[in-house]
Amino acid sequence: MNNSLQLWDGNLSFITRPVPHVSAPNEVIVKVSYSGVCDIDVRILAGELPVSHCVVLGHEFAGVVSEVGTEVKNVSIGDRVVINPHMSCHLCCHCTRGQPEFCEKEQDQFLGIWRNGGWSQYTRVRAQNVHVLPPQVSLRHAILCEPISCILHGFSFLHPLPTNSKILVYGSGIMGTLWLCILHFHGYRKVVLSETSEHRRNLATGLNLGFKVMHPDTIEAEAYDGQRLDKNWGFDALIDCTTSASDFQKSVKWMTNGGKILLFGCYPQDSEVKLNPYDILNKELKIYGCKSNPFTFPQAIQLVRDMAEIYFNFDKLGIHLFQLTKYETALSSLTKEHVEKVVFET
């Protein structure tokens, strides 16, 4: 049988269904080993984001292929795989311009939001979404491929970014923490983390990356004491993982001339900010949004392969494993300070 967590009209329940089989020649059945809980999932469960009225959530998952359609060539039964949940039609005006993240058919495609995802023992996906894992990447670490692919898309907006750049990561949930790891791996050393939570500041310090970890209130104290202390003070790049409009608004004045700001995360749709266009013009600031992970998933797999042993210790990252049957305990644990991310083990 196939145990799953199904969301039906906003209500999450543990159900048992028949094991799915391929129904089209380009489909693959994956026996899910691990599936992550993303902040998007949490906000869907809270009714803050749109979702199919009946769907199995989970868009970060990996497992083993158990069945393939007749036309599937890229994977075989028994392969260890990770799933890219983002899909595109390849035909709309956005896809044909090389912008699949804006695909007009997105709401018909995204696994774990509009189509059944990975909070299940078995799931059916299209072959184009399935990537074979290198032998060096464990199935457990593979659930980081999707969030890291989104980070890599965001990283592309910041280039060129010399390794001596001063970078502020604002907010250190699991995504902010992964940003810290990736920046360190790529040779950046002048990185500051700004975080209000003492626990998260301690967690970031425990990664032993050598980065400065600060409360937001102390950042301005470095630059202001009634007057600006250093005219060259400021950050070359700011990665805002807070999803807070007020925090974003406050951080704009922390940028140096020519600075780049990346909004990373799912901000509430009714968010509003008040900015002075002169500040943006005078400093020639660049502000970017980041949506999805176009063309970065294969690169993310290789990055997980290269980084997992040194950087991705689940205990240090605050990632906790739970059996799928313990979903209520797992989801409620996200409100506790020591849990940054939950992963279901099926």
C-alpha atoms as a PDB file:
ATOM      1  CA  MET A   1       0.000   0.000   0.000  1.00  0.00           C
ATOM      2  CA  ASN A   2       0.927   3.649  -0.318  1.00  0.00           C
ATOM      3  CA  ASN A   3       0.841   5.800   2.818  1.00  0.00           C
ATOM      4  CA  SER A   4       0.503   9.503   2.033  1.00  0.00           C
ATOM      5  CA  LEU A   5      -0.206  12.903   3.569  1.00  0.00           C
ATOM      6  CA  GLN A   6      -3.060  14.390   1.577  1.00  0.00           C
ATOM      7  CA  LEU A   7      -4.307  17.954   1.758  1.00  0.00           C
ATOM      8  CA  TRP A   8      -8.035  18.129   1.040  1.00  0.00           C
ATOM      9  CA  ASP A   9      -9.644  21.568   1.093  1.00  0.00           C
ATOM     10  CA  GLY A  10      -7.107  22.786   3.624  1.00  0.00           C
ATOM     11  CA  ASN A  11      -7.197  19.724   5.896  1.00  0.00           C
ATOM     12  CA  LEU A  12      -4.112  17.496   6.103  1.00  0.00           C
ATOM     13  CA  SER A  13      -4.677  13.810   6.794  1.00  0.00           C
ATOM     14  CA  PHE A  14      -2.758  10.528   6.744  1.00  0.00           C
ATOM     15  CA  ILE A  15      -4.284   8.189   4.171  1.00  0.00           C
ATOM     16  CA  THR A  16      -3.510   4.857   2.559  1.00  0.00           C
ATOM     17  CA  ARG A  17      -3.960   4.474  -1.183  1.00  0.00           C
ATOM     18  CA  PRO A  18      -3.010   1.869  -3.781  1.00  0.00           C
ATOM     19  CA  VAL A  19       0.538   2.064  -5.110  1.00  0.00           C
ATOM     20  CA  PRO A  20       0.415   4.086  -8.357  1.00  0.00           C
ATOM     21  CA  HIS A  21       1.527   2.693 -11.710  1.00  0.00           C
ATOM     22  CA  VAL A  22       2.662   4.437 -14.853  1.00  0.00           C
ATOM     23  CA  SER A  23      -0.267   5.619 -16.949  1.00  0.00           C
ATOM     24  CA  ALA A  24       1.738   7.196 -19.772  1.00  0.00           C
ATOM     25  CA  PRO A  25       4.907   6.147 -21.622  1.00  0.00           C
ATOM     26  CA  ASN A  26       6.941   9.079 -20.220  1.00  0.00           C
ATOM     27  CA  GLU A  27       6.101   8.498 -16.557  1.00  0.00           C
ATOM     28  CA  VAL A  28       8.177   7.138 -13.683  1.00  0.00           C
ATOM     29  CA  ILE A  29       7.125   5.690 -10.326  1.00  0.00           C
ATOM     30  CA  VAL A  30       9.446   6.636  -7.480  1.00  0.00           C
ATOM     31  CA  LYS A  31       9.541   4.914  -4.103  1.00  0.00           C
ATOM     32  CA  VAL A  32      10.180   7.960  -1.936  1.00  0.00           C
ATOM     33  CA  SER A  33      12.925   7.682   0.681  1.00  0.00           C
ATOM     34  CA  TYR A  34      13.065  11.242   2.034  1.00  0.00           C
ATOM     35  CA  SER A  35      10.882  14.302   1.566  1.00  0.00           C
ATOM     36  CA  GLY A  36      11.496  17.753   2.993  1.00  0.00           C
ATOM     37  CA  VAL A  37       9.105  20.258   4.514  1.00  0.00           C
ATOM     38  CA  CYS A  38       9.621  23.705   3.013  1.00  0.00           C
ATOM     39  CA  ASP A  39       8.443  27.062   4.334  1.00  0.00           C
ATOM     40  CA  ILE A  40       6.090  27.123   1.346  1.00  0.00           C
ATOM     41  CA  ASP A  41       4.484  23.904   2.629  1.00  0.00           C
ATOM     42  CA  VAL A  42       4.045  25.467   6.063  1.00  0.00           C
ATOM     43  CA  ARG A  43       2.397  28.537   4.576  1.00  0.00           C
ATOM     44  CA  ILE A  44       0.127  26.382   2.410  1.00  0.00           C
ATOM     45  CA  LEU A  45      -0.995  24.491   5.510  1.00  0.00           C
ATOM     46  CA  ALA A  46      -1.687  27.839   7.170  1.00  0.00           C
ATOM     47  CA  GLY A  47      -3.918  28.825   4.239  1.00  0.00           C
ATOM     48  CA  GLU A  48      -1.616  31.640   3.126  1.00  0.00           C
ATOM     49  CA  LEU A  49      -0.762  30.334  -0.356  1.00  0.00           C
ATOM     50  CA  PRO A  50      -2.881  28.813  -3.145  1.00  0.00           C
ATOM     51  CA  VAL A  51      -2.814  25.073  -3.728  1.00  0.00           C
ATOM     52  CA  SER A  52      -4.835  22.359  -5.462  1.00  0.00           C
ATOM     53  CA  HIS A  53      -7.944  21.474  -3.448  1.00  0.00           C
ATOM     54  CA  CYS A  54      -6.770  17.845  -3.225  1.00  0.00           C
ATOM     55  CA  VAL A  55      -3.055  17.105  -3.408  1.00  0.00           C
ATOM     56  CA  VAL A  56      -0.158  15.301  -1.762  1.00  0.00           C
ATOM     57  CA  LEU A  57       2.270  18.030  -0.728  1.00  0.00           C
ATOM     58  CA  GLY A  58       6.071  17.862  -0.776  1.00  0.00           C
ATOM     59  CA  HIS A  59       8.302  19.250  -3.510  1.00  0.00           C
ATOM     60  CA  GLU A  60      11.709  18.321  -2.063  1.00  0.00           C
ATOM     61  CA  PHE A  61      12.098  14.563  -2.366  1.00  0.00           C
ATOM     62  CA  ALA A  62      14.340  11.718  -3.436  1.00  0.00           C
ATOM     63  CA  GLY A  63      14.000   7.967  -3.710  1.00  0.00           C
ATOM     64  CA  VAL A  64      14.420   4.884  -5.876  1.00  0.00           C
ATOM     65  CA  VAL A  65      12.793   4.208  -9.250  1.00  0.00           C
ATOM     66  CA  SER A  66      10.348   1.293  -9.033  1.00  0.00           C
ATOM     67  CA  GLU A  67       8.668   1.460 -12.457  1.00  0.00           C
ATOM     68  CA  VAL A  68       9.229   3.265 -15.767  1.00  0.00           C
ATOM     69  CA  GLY A  69       7.119   3.930 -18.848  1.00  0.00           C
ATOM     70  CA  THR A  70       7.938   2.443 -22.222  1.00  0.00           C
ATOM     71  CA  GLU A  71       9.515   5.632 -23.586  1.00  0.00           C
ATOM     72  CA  VAL A  72      11.636   6.513 -20.551  1.00  0.00           C
ATOM     73  CA  LYS A  73      15.345   6.478 -21.383  1.00  0.00           C
ATOM     74  CA  ASN A  74      17.006   8.659 -18.750  1.00  0.00           C
ATOM     75  CA  VAL A  75      16.403   6.402 -15.716  1.00  0.00           C
ATOM     76  CA  SER A  76      15.992   2.703 -14.978  1.00  0.00           C
ATOM     77  CA  ILE A  77      14.358   0.631 -12.260  1.00  0.00           C
ATOM     78  CA  GLY A  78      16.561   0.680  -9.170  1.00  0.00           C
ATOM     79  CA  ASP A  79      18.179   4.044  -9.881  1.00  0.00           C
ATOM     80  CA  ARG A  80      18.607   6.410  -6.962  1.00  0.00           C
ATOM     81  CA  VAL A  81      17.025   9.686  -8.037  1.00  0.00           C
ATOM     82  CA  VAL A  82      16.072  13.179  -6.945  1.00  0.00           C
ATOM     83  CA  ILE A  83      13.090  15.059  -8.315  1.00  0.00           C
ATOM     84  CA  ASN A  84      12.988  18.582  -9.713  1.00  0.00           C
ATOM     85  CA  PRO A  85       9.384  19.622  -8.973  1.00  0.00           C
ATOM     86  CA  HIS A  86       9.428  22.629 -11.288  1.00  0.00           C
ATOM     87  CA  MET A  87       7.978  21.953 -14.722  1.00  0.00           C
ATOM     88  CA  SER A  88       7.273  23.994 -17.812  1.00  0.00           C
ATOM     89  CA  CYS A  89       5.316  23.529 -21.019  1.00  0.00           C
ATOM     90  CA  HIS A  90       8.189  24.563 -23.352  1.00  0.00           C
ATOM     91  CA  LEU A  91       5.609  26.177 -25.641  1.00  0.00           C
ATOM     92  CA  CYS A  92       4.294  29.404 -24.093  1.00  0.00           C
ATOM     93  CA  CYS A  93       5.822  32.805 -24.805  1.00  0.00           C
ATOM     94  CA  HIS A  94       7.878  32.705 -21.602  1.00  0.00           C
ATOM     95  CA  CYS A  95       9.271  29.214 -22.144  1.00  0.00           C
ATOM     96  CA  THR A  96      10.267  29.973 -25.729  1.00  0.00           C
ATOM     97  CA  ARG A  97      12.140  33.061 -24.487  1.00  0.00           C
ATOM     98  CA  GLY A  98      14.161  30.924 -22.085  1.00  0.00           C
ATOM     99  CA  GLN A  99      12.169  31.937 -18.993  1.00  0.00           C
ATOM    100  CA  PRO A 100      10.498  28.695 -17.841  1.00  0.00           C
ATOM    101  CA  GLU A 101      10.050  30.099 -14.323  1.00  0.00           C
ATOM    102  CA  PHE A 102       7.234  32.251 -15.744  1.00  0.00           C
ATOM    103  CA  CYS A 103       5.536  29.390 -17.619  1.00  0.00           C
ATOM    104  CA  GLU A 104       1.834  30.068 -18.205  1.00  0.00           C
ATOM    105  CA  LYS A 105       1.075  26.442 -17.331  1.00  0.00           C
ATOM    106  CA  GLU A 106       2.901  26.526 -13.987  1.00  0.00           C
ATOM    107  CA  GLN A 107      -0.258  25.971 -11.966  1.00  0.00           C
ATOM    108  CA  ASP A 108      -0.839  22.728 -13.839  1.00  0.00           C
ATOM    109  CA  GLN A 109       2.719  21.526 -13.417  1.00  0.00           C
ATOM    110  CA  PHE A 110       4.344  22.152 -10.022  1.00  0.00           C
ATOM    111  CA  LEU A 111       4.779  18.920  -8.086  1.00  0.00           C
ATOM    112  CA  GLY A 112       3.675  19.012  -4.473  1.00  0.00           C
ATOM    113  CA  ILE A 113       1.435  22.039  -4.983  1.00  0.00           C
ATOM    114  CA  TRP A 114      -0.692  21.443  -8.079  1.00  0.00           C
ATOM    115  CA  ARG A 115       0.232  17.780  -8.712  1.00  0.00           C
ATOM    116  CA  ASN A 116       0.921  15.059  -6.157  1.00  0.00           C
ATOM    117  CA  GLY A 117       4.347  15.359  -4.584  1.00  0.00           C
ATOM    118  CA  GLY A 118       6.653  13.543  -2.216  1.00  0.00           C
ATOM    119  CA  TRP A 119       4.863  13.274   1.143  1.00  0.00           C
ATOM    120  CA  SER A 120       4.061   9.718   0.143  1.00  0.00           C
ATOM    121  CA  GLN A 121       5.671   6.290  -0.033  1.00  0.00           C
ATOM    122  CA  TYR A 122       5.241   6.169  -3.809  1.00  0.00           C
ATOM    123  CA  THR A 123       4.594   8.919  -6.316  1.00  0.00           C
ATOM    124  CA  ARG A 124       4.181   9.234 -10.070  1.00  0.00           C
ATOM    125  CA  VAL A 125       6.238  11.847 -11.937  1.00  0.00           C
ATOM    126  CA  ARG A 126       7.284  12.642 -15.479  1.00  0.00           C
ATOM    127  CA  ALA A 127      10.667  11.413 -16.616  1.00  0.00           C
ATOM    128  CA  GLN A 128      11.811  14.964 -17.362  1.00  0.00           C
ATOM    129  CA  ASN A 129      11.634  15.729 -13.637  1.00  0.00           C
ATOM    130  CA  VAL A 130      13.819  12.823 -12.569  1.00  0.00           C
ATOM    131  CA  HIS A 131      17.601  13.098 -12.118  1.00  0.00           C
ATOM    132  CA  VAL A 132      19.924  10.203 -11.326  1.00  0.00           C
ATOM    133  CA  LEU A 133      22.081  10.840  -8.262  1.00  0.00           C
ATOM    134  CA  PRO A 134      25.859  10.453  -8.296  1.00  0.00           C
ATOM    135  CA  PRO A 135      27.014   7.632  -6.010  1.00  0.00           C
ATOM    136  CA  GLN A 136      28.581  10.190  -3.648  1.00  0.00           C
ATOM    137  CA  VAL A 137      25.203  11.822  -2.854  1.00  0.00           C
ATOM    138  CA  SER A 138      23.045  10.085  -0.259  1.00  0.00           C
ATOM    139  CA  LEU A 139      19.276  10.024  -0.642  1.00  0.00           C
ATOM    140  CA  ARG A 140      19.044  11.962   2.601  1.00  0.00           C
ATOM    141  CA  HIS A 141      21.268  14.794   1.390  1.00  0.00           C
ATOM    142  CA  ALA A 142      19.482  14.793  -1.972  1.00  0.00           C
ATOM    143  CA  ILE A 143      16.476  16.607  -0.502  1.00  0.00           C
ATOM    144  CA  LEU A 144      18.702  19.699  -0.367  1.00  0.00           C
ATOM    145  CA  CYS A 145      19.038  19.740  -4.166  1.00  0.00           C
ATOM    146  CA  GLU A 146      15.798  21.646  -4.749  1.00  0.00           C
ATOM    147  CA  PRO A 147      16.393  24.481  -2.253  1.00  0.00           C
ATOM    148  CA  ILE A 148      20.010  24.776  -3.383  1.00  0.00           C
ATOM    149  CA  SER A 149      18.917  24.962  -7.028  1.00  0.00           C
ATOM    150  CA  CYS A 150      16.825  27.995  -6.061  1.00  0.00           C
ATOM    151  CA  ILE A 151      19.825  29.525  -4.292  1.00  0.00           C
ATOM    152  CA  LEU A 152      21.928  29.049  -7.423  1.00  0.00           C
ATOM    153  CA  HIS A 153      19.321  30.875  -9.490  1.00  0.00           C
ATOM    154  CA  GLY A 154      19.436  33.741  -7.010  1.00  0.00           C
ATOM    155  CA  PHE A 155      23.239  33.667  -7.005  1.00  0.00           C
ATOM    156  CA  SER A 156      23.237  34.245 -10.768  1.00  0.00           C
ATOM    157  CA  PHE A 157      21.684  37.694 -10.276  1.00  0.00           C
ATOM    158  CA  LEU A 158      24.555  38.771  -8.017  1.00  0.00           C
ATOM    159  CA  HIS A 159      27.312  38.000 -10.517  1.00  0.00           C
ATOM    160  CA  PRO A 160      29.838  39.410 -11.010  1.00  0.00           C
ATOM    161  CA  LEU A 161      30.546  39.417  -7.294  1.00  0.00           C
ATOM    162  CA  PRO A 162      34.268  39.434  -6.377  1.00  0.00           C
ATOM    163  CA  THR A 163      35.235  37.209  -3.471  1.00  0.00           C
ATOM    164  CA  ASN A 164      36.339  40.250  -1.442  1.00  0.00           C
ATOM    165  CA  SER A 165      32.795  41.662  -1.565  1.00  0.00           C
ATOM    166  CA  LYS A 166      31.063  42.535   1.695  1.00  0.00           C
ATOM    167  CA  ILE A 167      27.885  40.445   1.837  1.00  0.00           C
ATOM    168  CA  LEU A 168      24.974  40.550   4.269  1.00  0.00           C
ATOM    169  CA  VAL A 169      22.703  37.540   4.654  1.00  0.00           C
ATOM    170  CA  TYR A 170      19.586  38.872   6.356  1.00  0.00           C
ATOM    171  CA  GLY A 171      17.659  36.121   8.146  1.00  0.00           C
ATOM    172  CA  SER A 172      18.951  32.634   8.918  1.00  0.00           C
ATOM    173  CA  GLY A 173      16.201  30.102   8.642  1.00  0.00           C
ATOM    174  CA  ILE A 174      17.352  27.004   6.809  1.00  0.00           C
ATOM    175  CA  MET A 175      17.642  28.931   3.532  1.00  0.00           C
ATOM    176  CA  GLY A 176      19.778  31.655   5.064  1.00  0.00           C
ATOM    177  CA  THR A 177      21.974  28.993   6.624  1.00  0.00           C
ATOM    178  CA  LEU A 178      22.391  27.218   3.281  1.00  0.00           C
ATOM    179  CA  TRP A 179      23.312  30.563   1.729  1.00  0.00           C
ATOM    180  CA  LEU A 180      26.084  30.924   4.330  1.00  0.00           C
ATOM    181  CA  CYS A 181      27.459  27.484   3.482  1.00  0.00           C
ATOM    182  CA  ILE A 182      27.409  28.106  -0.264  1.00  0.00           C
ATOM    183  CA  LEU A 183      29.042  31.529   0.029  1.00  0.00           C
ATOM    184  CA  HIS A 184      31.821  30.021   2.149  1.00  0.00           C
ATOM    185  CA  PHE A 185      32.301  27.158  -0.317  1.00  0.00           C
ATOM    186  CA  HIS A 186      32.711  29.694  -3.142  1.00  0.00           C
ATOM    187  CA  GLY A 187      35.436  31.569  -1.300  1.00  0.00           C
ATOM    188  CA  TYR A 188      33.583  34.513   0.230  1.00  0.00           C
ATOM    189  CA  ARG A 189      34.903  35.506   3.642  1.00  0.00           C
ATOM    190  CA  LYS A 190      33.534  39.019   4.277  1.00  0.00           C
ATOM    191  CA  VAL A 191      30.050  37.752   5.100  1.00  0.00           C
ATOM    192  CA  VAL A 192      27.791  38.967   7.892  1.00  0.00           C
ATOM    193  CA  LEU A 193      24.651  37.218   9.118  1.00  0.00           C
ATOM    194  CA  SER A 194      21.908  39.413  10.569  1.00  0.00           C
ATOM    195  CA  GLU A 195      19.395  37.484  12.672  1.00  0.00           C
ATOM    196  CA  THR A 196      17.065  38.392  15.540  1.00  0.00           C
ATOM    197  CA  SER A 197      16.850  34.871  17.028  1.00  0.00           C
ATOM    198  CA  GLU A 198      19.589  34.090  19.531  1.00  0.00           C
ATOM    199  CA  HIS A 199      19.211  30.369  18.827  1.00  0.00           C
ATOM    200  CA  ARG A 200      19.717  30.882  15.107  1.00  0.00           C
ATOM    201  CA  ARG A 201      22.707  33.118  15.717  1.00  0.00           C
ATOM    202  CA  ASN A 202      24.217  30.373  17.865  1.00  0.00           C
ATOM    203  CA  LEU A 203      23.447  27.772  15.207  1.00  0.00           C
ATOM    204  CA  ALA A 204      25.173  29.870  12.537  1.00  0.00           C
ATOM    205  CA  THR A 205      28.188  30.373  14.798  1.00  0.00           C
ATOM    206  CA  GLY A 206      28.310  26.611  15.331  1.00  0.00           C
ATOM    207  CA  LEU A 207      28.890  26.067  11.613  1.00  0.00           C
ATOM    208  CA  ASN A 208      32.436  27.368  12.199  1.00  0.00           C
ATOM    209  CA  LEU A 209      32.532  29.327   8.945  1.00  0.00           C
ATOM    210  CA  GLY A 210      34.257  32.328  10.492  1.00  0.00           C
ATOM    211  CA  PHE A 211      31.495  34.754   9.513  1.00  0.00           C
ATOM    212  CA  LYS A 212      30.381  37.623  11.730  1.00  0.00           C
ATOM    213  CA  VAL A 213      26.952  36.953  13.287  1.00  0.00           C
ATOM    214  CA  MET A 214      24.973  39.965  14.503  1.00  0.00           C
ATOM    215  CA  HIS A 215      21.593  41.167  15.673  1.00  0.00           C
ATOM    216  CA  PRO A 216      20.092  43.648  13.154  1.00  0.00           C
ATOM    217  CA  ASP A 217      20.084  46.388  15.783  1.00  0.00           C
ATOM    218  CA  THR A 218      23.866  46.212  16.101  1.00  0.00           C
ATOM    219  CA  ILE A 219      24.535  46.562  12.378  1.00  0.00           C
ATOM    220  CA  GLU A 220      23.656  50.236  12.280  1.00  0.00           C
ATOM    221  CA  ALA A 221      25.652  50.780  15.460  1.00  0.00           C
ATOM    222  CA  GLU A 222      28.746  49.924  13.434  1.00  0.00           C
ATOM    223  CA  ALA A 223      28.011  52.728  10.995  1.00  0.00           C
ATOM    224  CA  TYR A 224      26.198  55.290  13.114  1.00  0.00           C
ATOM    225  CA  ASP A 225      26.963  57.007  16.374  1.00  0.00           C
ATOM    226  CA  GLY A 226      24.918  60.138  15.904  1.00  0.00           C
ATOM    227  CA  GLN A 227      26.706  60.538  12.597  1.00  0.00           C
ATOM    228  CA  ARG A 228      28.128  58.199   9.986  1.00  0.00           C
ATOM    229  CA  LEU A 229      31.463  56.890  11.200  1.00  0.00           C
ATOM    230  CA  ASP A 230      32.773  55.554   7.905  1.00  0.00           C
ATOM    231  CA  LYS A 231      31.726  56.875   4.529  1.00  0.00           C
ATOM    232  CA  ASN A 232      32.822  53.590   2.963  1.00  0.00           C
ATOM    233  CA  TRP A 233      30.653  51.505   5.303  1.00  0.00           C
ATOM    234  CA  GLY A 234      28.024  49.349   3.643  1.00  0.00           C
ATOM    235  CA  PHE A 235      27.432  46.040   1.899  1.00  0.00           C
ATOM    236  CA  ASP A 236      28.143  45.187  -1.719  1.00  0.00           C
ATOM    237  CA  ALA A 237      25.427  42.535  -1.727  1.00  0.00           C
ATOM    238  CA  LEU A 238      22.446  41.806   0.501  1.00  0.00           C
ATOM    239  CA  ILE A 239      20.536  38.526   0.430  1.00  0.00           C
ATOM    240  CA  ASP A 240      17.196  39.061   2.154  1.00  0.00           C
ATOM    241  CA  CYS A 241      15.813  35.764   3.453  1.00  0.00           C
ATOM    242  CA  THR A 242      13.488  37.361   6.005  1.00  0.00           C
ATOM    243  CA  THR A 243      10.416  37.550   3.705  1.00  0.00           C
ATOM    244  CA  SER A 244       9.619  40.677   5.729  1.00  0.00           C
ATOM    245  CA  ALA A 245       8.763  43.862   3.865  1.00  0.00           C
ATOM    246  CA  SER A 246       9.765  46.043   6.812  1.00  0.00           C
ATOM    247  CA  ASP A 247      13.155  44.341   7.113  1.00  0.00           C
ATOM    248  CA  PHE A 248      13.777  44.800   3.385  1.00  0.00           C
ATOM    249  CA  GLN A 249      12.838  48.461   3.604  1.00  0.00           C
ATOM    250  CA  LYS A 250      15.223  48.986   6.513  1.00  0.00           C
ATOM    251  CA  SER A 251      18.131  47.212   4.853  1.00  0.00           C
ATOM    252  CA  VAL A 252      18.233  49.355   1.711  1.00  0.00           C
ATOM    253  CA  LYS A 253      20.159  52.075   3.554  1.00  0.00           C
ATOM    254  CA  TRP A 254      22.821  49.524   4.516  1.00  0.00           C
ATOM    255  CA  MET A 255      24.002  49.206   0.908  1.00  0.00           C
ATOM    256  CA  THR A 256      27.149  50.729  -0.505  1.00  0.00           C
ATOM    257  CA  ASN A 257      27.334  52.407  -3.914  1.00  0.00           C
ATOM    258  CA  GLY A 258      26.526  49.968  -6.713  1.00  0.00           C
ATOM    259  CA  GLY A 259      25.176  47.428  -4.241  1.00  0.00           C
ATOM    260  CA  LYS A 260      22.941  44.501  -5.192  1.00  0.00           C
ATOM    261  CA  ILE A 261      19.893  43.389  -3.224  1.00  0.00           C
ATOM    262  CA  LEU A 262      18.355  39.947  -3.730  1.00  0.00           C
ATOM    263  CA  LEU A 263      14.865  39.259  -2.400  1.00  0.00           C
ATOM    264  CA  PHE A 264      14.939  35.547  -1.665  1.00  0.00           C
ATOM    265  CA  GLY A 265      11.892  33.816  -0.272  1.00  0.00           C
ATOM    266  CA  CYS A 266       8.137  33.865  -0.608  1.00  0.00           C
ATOM    267  CA  TYR A 267       6.962  37.264   0.609  1.00  0.00           C
ATOM    268  CA  PRO A 268       3.282  37.730   1.497  1.00  0.00           C
ATOM    269  CA  GLN A 269       1.355  38.902  -1.558  1.00  0.00           C
ATOM    270  CA  ASP A 270       0.006  41.947   0.278  1.00  0.00           C
ATOM    271  CA  SER A 271       3.462  43.170   1.332  1.00  0.00           C
ATOM    272  CA  GLU A 272       4.239  46.833   0.770  1.00  0.00           C
ATOM    273  CA  VAL A 273       7.382  48.899   1.232  1.00  0.00           C
ATOM    274  CA  LYS A 274       8.155  52.595   1.138  1.00  0.00           C
ATOM    275  CA  LEU A 275      11.398  53.405  -0.669  1.00  0.00           C
ATOM    276  CA  ASN A 276      12.984  56.667  -1.723  1.00  0.00           C
ATOM    277  CA  PRO A 277      13.812  56.370  -5.447  1.00  0.00           C
ATOM    278  CA  TYR A 278      16.600  58.898  -4.964  1.00  0.00           C
ATOM    279  CA  ASP A 279      18.455  56.479  -2.675  1.00  0.00           C
ATOM    280  CA  ILE A 280      18.305  53.801  -5.360  1.00  0.00           C
ATOM    281  CA  LEU A 281      19.292  56.209  -8.133  1.00  0.00           C
ATOM    282  CA  ASN A 282      22.056  57.968  -6.218  1.00  0.00           C
ATOM    283  CA  LYS A 283      23.713  54.715  -5.139  1.00  0.00           C
ATOM    284  CA  GLU A 284      22.906  52.917  -8.415  1.00  0.00           C
ATOM    285  CA  LEU A 285      21.433  50.055  -6.432  1.00  0.00           C
ATOM    286  CA  LYS A 286      20.161  46.944  -8.176  1.00  0.00           C
ATOM    287  CA  ILE A 287      17.211  45.060  -6.697  1.00  0.00           C
ATOM    288  CA  TYR A 288      16.405  41.535  -7.870  1.00  0.00           C
ATOM    289  CA  GLY A 289      13.646  39.052  -7.204  1.00  0.00           C
ATOM    290  CA  CYS A 290      14.263  35.315  -7.364  1.00  0.00           C
ATOM    291  CA  LYS A 291      11.625  32.845  -8.500  1.00  0.00           C
ATOM    292  CA  SER A 292      12.060  29.115  -8.999  1.00  0.00           C
ATOM    293  CA  ASN A 293      15.182  27.339 -10.291  1.00  0.00           C
ATOM    294  CA  PRO A 294      15.447  27.558 -14.100  1.00  0.00           C
ATOM    295  CA  PHE A 295      18.335  25.486 -15.499  1.00  0.00           C
ATOM    296  CA  THR A 296      20.122  25.121 -12.135  1.00  0.00           C
ATOM    297  CA  PHE A 297      19.019  21.691 -10.897  1.00  0.00           C
ATOM    298  CA  PRO A 298      21.868  19.627 -12.428  1.00  0.00           C
ATOM    299  CA  GLN A 299      24.377  22.119 -11.008  1.00  0.00           C
ATOM    300  CA  ALA A 300      22.713  21.833  -7.592  1.00  0.00           C
ATOM    301  CA  ILE A 301      23.175  18.056  -7.599  1.00  0.00           C
ATOM    302  CA  GLN A 302      26.890  18.471  -8.257  1.00  0.00           C
ATOM    303  CA  LEU A 303      27.146  21.119  -5.546  1.00  0.00           C
ATOM    304  CA  VAL A 304      25.509  18.819  -2.991  1.00  0.00           C
ATOM    305  CA  ARG A 305      27.973  16.124  -4.043  1.00  0.00           C
ATOM    306  CA  ASP A 306      30.924  18.448  -3.428  1.00  0.00           C
ATOM    307  CA  MET A 307      29.640  20.072  -0.221  1.00  0.00           C
ATOM    308  CA  ALA A 308      27.712  17.383   1.671  1.00  0.00           C
ATOM    309  CA  GLU A 309      30.533  15.853   3.697  1.00  0.00           C
ATOM    310  CA  ILE A 310      31.895  19.141   5.076  1.00  0.00           C
ATOM    311  CA  TYR A 311      28.945  21.530   5.087  1.00  0.00           C
ATOM    312  CA  PHE A 312      25.684  19.594   5.301  1.00  0.00           C
ATOM    313  CA  ASN A 313      25.695  17.983   8.714  1.00  0.00           C
ATOM    314  CA  PHE A 314      21.980  17.744   9.516  1.00  0.00           C
ATOM    315  CA  ASP A 315      22.525  18.188  13.247  1.00  0.00           C
ATOM    316  CA  LYS A 316      24.501  21.403  12.757  1.00  0.00           C
ATOM    317  CA  LEU A 317      21.947  22.706  10.254  1.00  0.00           C
ATOM    318  CA  GLY A 318      19.049  21.989  12.615  1.00  0.00           C
ATOM    319  CA  ILE A 319      17.444  19.435  10.267  1.00  0.00           C
ATOM    320  CA  HIS A 320      15.398  16.708  11.985  1.00  0.00           C
ATOM    321  CA  LEU A 321      14.083  13.421  10.571  1.00  0.00           C
ATOM    322  CA  PHE A 322      10.608  12.043  11.299  1.00  0.00           C
ATOM    323  CA  GLN A 323       8.662   9.035  10.087  1.00  0.00           C
ATOM    324  CA  LEU A 324       5.758   9.992   7.835  1.00  0.00           C
ATOM    325  CA  THR A 325       3.336   8.555  10.395  1.00  0.00           C
ATOM    326  CA  LYS A 326       4.639  11.108  12.931  1.00  0.00           C
ATOM    327  CA  TYR A 327       3.686  14.047  10.726  1.00  0.00           C
ATOM    328  CA  GLU A 328       1.744  15.876  13.432  1.00  0.00           C
ATOM    329  CA  THR A 329       4.711  15.806  15.793  1.00  0.00           C
ATOM    330  CA  ALA A 330       7.022  16.754  12.938  1.00  0.00           C
ATOM    331  CA  LEU A 331       5.032  19.779  11.834  1.00  0.00           C
ATOM    332  CA  SER A 332       4.439  21.015  15.367  1.00  0.00           C
ATOM    333  CA  SER A 333       8.177  20.758  16.057  1.00  0.00           C
ATOM    334  CA  LEU A 334       8.815  23.538  13.541  1.00  0.00           C
ATOM    335  CA  THR A 335       7.615  26.002  16.167  1.00  0.00           C
ATOM    336  CA  LYS A 336      10.435  24.919  18.473  1.00  0.00           C
ATOM    337  CA  GLU A 337      13.714  26.788  18.419  1.00  0.00           C
ATOM    338  CA  HIS A 338      16.002  23.832  17.790  1.00  0.00           C
ATOM    339  CA  VAL A 339      14.203  22.644  14.619  1.00  0.00           C
ATOM    340  CA  GLU A 340      15.030  24.576  11.434  1.00  0.00           C
ATOM    341  CA  LYS A 341      13.753  22.007   8.956  1.00  0.00           C
ATOM    342  CA  VAL A 342      11.802  18.762   9.010  1.00  0.00           C
ATOM    343  CA  VAL A 343      12.433  15.827   6.689  1.00  0.00           C
ATOM    344  CA  PHE A 344      10.052  12.881   6.381  1.00  0.00           C
ATOM    345  CA  GLU A 345      11.619   9.449   6.175  1.00  0.00           C
ATOM    346  CA  THR A 346       9.278   7.066   4.387  1.00  0.00           C
END
